Amino acid sequence: MNNMEKAITVVGGDLRIVKLIEMLNNDGYKVYTYALENSEELLSLDGVEMCPTLEEAVSYSKVVVGPVPLSSDRRRISSPFGRNVVELEDFITALKGKYLIAGNINITDKLEEMGVQSIDLLKREEFSVLNTIATAEGTIQIAMEETQRTVHGTNVLIMGFGRIGKVLAKMLDGIGAKVYCEARKNEDISWIKAYGYNPIHLNDLDENLGKFDIIINTIPFQLLSAEKLDLVKPEAVIIDLASNPGGVDRKAAREKGLKVIWALSLPAKVAPLTSAEFIKETLYHVLKEL
């Protein structure tokens, strides 16, 4: 790689992105940043340059790394360490002709109009699978903190048997929980049986909801409606991992006095260093492909 190829721009992001920049710097990259001015960790790094404007930061590299997720409100990019707000529209304009690598990019049509090629980290299988590890560990941490009994021996329901559901089930089973997994597809029900967990088909959910001490939802659809929450026992803890708008009717849950924890972006909160390693590994795969 020549010096131009060893330059990379990073705009916005949380502690995972700060750790990523440190790793890139250690690997010999010159990193140009914007909207990370309040990160004290980056100030002492010789190979990191904090640029005064978004346009200048973007000008130094063909590849721009953005936050994971890119935006929480679809108006501004996520930049908890930034001094200035970066409007999504301004960000798109500045990226003309570049490659954007970020998470949960929901504006691909607008990017294409500006000649921006984008790669969504959260749609990369290798990143998604690795990221579920931190999500699962964080979920179990919440379960331990929010309940008054050990997870061992507790009836736990996991709603959804996708990536997160599979990893969660394995971890919970490993610490002695009585693991039940809800699924809609018959093939998933078969796999749940094969792994040795207790399967519950979506059609049979209502008659089973009342026996769980912990309910963990991974489905980005509001399955736990007000009617279904009536069937949940009052002392149960519900942990919702689904992205906005979530999978639980939170208003109904509050009215019923149920404890609901909406746990978003757990990898950033519980394991920023490991999550940064996962991002770096995936980023390097993408750079090779480019």
Foldseek 3Di string as FASTA:
>chain_A
DDLLALEEEEEAEALLVVLLVVVSVVVPHQYEYALQQQDPSPPPRPSYHDDPDPLVRLVSHLEYEYYAAQPQPQFFGHRPNGPDTHGPVNNLQSNQNGEYEYAPDPPVVSNVVSNYHYDHQCPDPLLVLLLLLLVLVLVLVCVCVQAPDDQAAFEEEEEDCDSNNVNNQVVSVVRHHQYEYEDADPVVQVVCVVVPHHYDYPVRCQVPQQRGQEYEYADQAQPAELVSVVNHDQNHEYEWAHRPPTHHPVVSCVVSNHHYHDDYPSCCVRPSNSSSVSVNVVVVVVSVVD
